[in-house]
Amino acid sequence: MSIKVQEYIREDASIPYKQWFDSLSAQAAAKVTVAKLRMELGNTSSIKWFDGMGEYVIDWGPGYRIYLAKDGDTLIVLFGGGTKRGQQRDIDKAKELLSEYKARKKAIHANTSSKHKR
């Protein structure tokens, strides 16, 4: 089963995952790209789930992490990443982005529903 993996785009058009990804070395970026491809192929065994979100652990170098959430069965939304050292700070930031994502999705859904009821 394939899964759509997409980066979360904030209301101000910034992309936290892309900002993090662009700061990586070429080797680290390659490892992260492989992890993303594995998720797209439905291989989510490297993801640890907690508090409604996931942490994809890449056991290489400083221990890279990708923070994400599932939206339904076929969509994974990427919020950012980091290393084992900054893990708690990265998790807190990802949780913030996840609640922002959910709030925006709810608002969009509410607007769509009210337009259909007229």
Protein backbone atom coordinates (compact mmCIF):
# COMPACT_ATOMS: atom_id res chain seq x y z
CA MET A 1 0.00 0.00 0.00
CA SER A 2 1.48 3.33 -0.96
CA ILE A 3 1.22 6.34 1.31
CA LYS A 4 1.32 9.99 0.28
CA VAL A 5 4.03 11.81 2.23
CA GLN A 6 3.86 15.58 2.17
CA GLU A 7 5.49 18.46 4.00
CA TYR A 8 3.38 20.71 6.18
CA ILE A 9 3.13 24.24 4.76
CA ARG A 10 2.33 26.89 7.35
CA GLU A 11 -0.08 29.76 6.79
CA ASP A 12 2.87 32.12 6.14
CA ALA A 13 4.01 29.66 3.40
CA SER A 14 7.09 28.54 5.37
CA ILE A 15 7.89 24.82 5.34
CA PRO A 16 9.55 23.74 8.62
CA TYR A 17 10.53 20.30 7.27
CA LYS A 18 12.17 21.81 4.16
CA GLN A 19 14.06 24.36 6.29
CA TRP A 20 15.47 21.50 8.39
CA PHE A 21 16.15 19.25 5.37
CA ASP A 22 18.00 22.03 3.52
CA SER A 23 20.38 22.40 6.49
CA LEU A 24 21.52 18.75 6.34
CA SER A 25 24.81 17.49 4.90
CA ALA A 26 24.57 15.61 1.59
CA GLN A 27 25.01 12.24 3.36
CA ALA A 28 22.35 13.01 5.99
CA ALA A 29 19.98 14.31 3.29
CA ALA A 30 20.41 11.04 1.39
CA LYS A 31 19.54 9.00 4.52
CA VAL A 32 16.47 11.17 5.16
CA THR A 33 15.37 10.87 1.51
CA VAL A 34 15.58 7.06 1.74
CA ALA A 35 13.49 7.17 4.95
CA LYS A 36 10.85 9.29 3.18
CA LEU A 37 10.75 6.85 0.23
CA ARG A 38 10.31 3.93 2.65
CA MET A 39 7.32 5.71 4.23
CA GLU A 40 5.82 6.29 0.75
CA LEU A 41 6.11 2.53 0.13
CA GLY A 42 4.17 1.89 3.33
CA ASN A 43 7.16 0.84 5.45
CA THR A 44 6.45 2.57 8.75
CA SER A 45 8.21 0.06 11.03
CA SER A 46 10.89 2.63 11.99
CA ILE A 47 8.26 5.04 13.34
CA LYS A 48 7.66 5.28 17.09
CA TRP A 49 4.16 6.63 17.79
CA PHE A 50 3.29 8.78 20.82
CA ASP A 51 0.88 11.65 21.61
CA GLY A 52 -0.79 11.37 18.19
CA MET A 53 2.43 11.85 16.28
CA GLY A 54 5.35 9.79 15.03
CA GLU A 55 9.11 9.90 15.23
CA TYR A 56 10.95 8.15 12.41
CA VAL A 57 14.33 7.10 13.81
CA ILE A 58 17.31 6.88 11.46
CA ASP A 59 20.00 4.87 13.22
CA TRP A 60 22.96 6.65 11.63
CA GLY A 61 25.32 9.46 12.59
CA PRO A 62 23.95 11.56 15.45
CA GLY A 63 20.64 9.66 15.32
CA TYR A 64 18.44 11.64 12.97
CA ARG A 65 14.71 11.94 13.65
CA ILE A 66 11.82 12.91 11.36
CA TYR A 67 8.65 14.17 13.07
CA LEU A 68 5.33 13.44 11.41
CA ALA A 69 1.68 12.59 11.84
CA LYS A 70 -0.74 10.34 10.02
CA ASP A 71 -3.84 11.90 8.53
CA GLY A 72 -6.11 8.99 7.68
CA ASP A 73 -4.65 5.78 6.26
CA THR A 74 -2.90 7.12 3.18
CA LEU A 75 -1.31 10.43 4.19
CA ILE A 76 1.72 11.26 6.32
CA VAL A 77 2.46 14.91 7.06
CA LEU A 78 6.08 15.84 7.81
CA PHE A 79 6.69 18.57 10.38
CA GLY A 80 10.45 18.62 10.76
CA GLY A 81 13.43 16.76 12.08
CA GLY A 82 16.51 16.83 14.20
CA THR A 83 18.96 14.63 16.03
CA LYS A 84 18.89 12.66 19.27
CA ARG A 85 20.63 15.56 21.07
CA GLY A 86 17.87 18.13 20.43
CA GLN A 87 15.09 15.55 20.64
CA GLN A 88 12.85 17.15 23.29
CA ARG A 89 13.02 20.60 21.69
CA ASP A 90 12.27 19.07 18.27
CA ILE A 91 9.34 17.06 19.67
CA ASP A 92 7.87 20.18 21.30
CA LYS A 93 8.15 22.12 18.03
CA ALA A 94 6.55 19.25 16.06
CA LYS A 95 3.66 19.06 18.57
CA GLU A 96 3.07 22.78 18.09
CA LEU A 97 2.99 22.34 14.31
CA LEU A 98 0.69 19.33 14.62
CA SER A 99 -1.88 21.26 16.66
CA GLU A 100 -1.62 24.16 14.19
CA TYR A 101 -2.19 21.71 11.31
CA LYS A 102 -5.25 20.20 13.04
CA ALA A 103 -6.72 23.63 13.85
CA ARG A 104 -6.29 24.83 10.26
CA LYS A 105 -7.75 21.60 8.88
CA LYS A 106 -10.75 21.94 11.21
CA ALA A 107 -11.28 25.58 10.15
CA ILE A 108 -11.09 24.65 6.45
CA HIS A 109 -13.54 21.77 7.03
CA ALA A 110 -15.93 24.07 8.94
CA ASN A 111 -15.85 26.63 6.10
CA THR A 112 -16.49 23.94 3.49
CA SER A 113 -19.36 22.43 5.50
CA SER A 114 -21.09 25.80 6.02
CA LYS A 115 -20.89 26.60 2.30
CA HIS A 116 -22.59 23.30 1.41
CA LYS A 117 -25.47 23.89 3.85
CA ARG A 118 -26.72 27.10 2.18
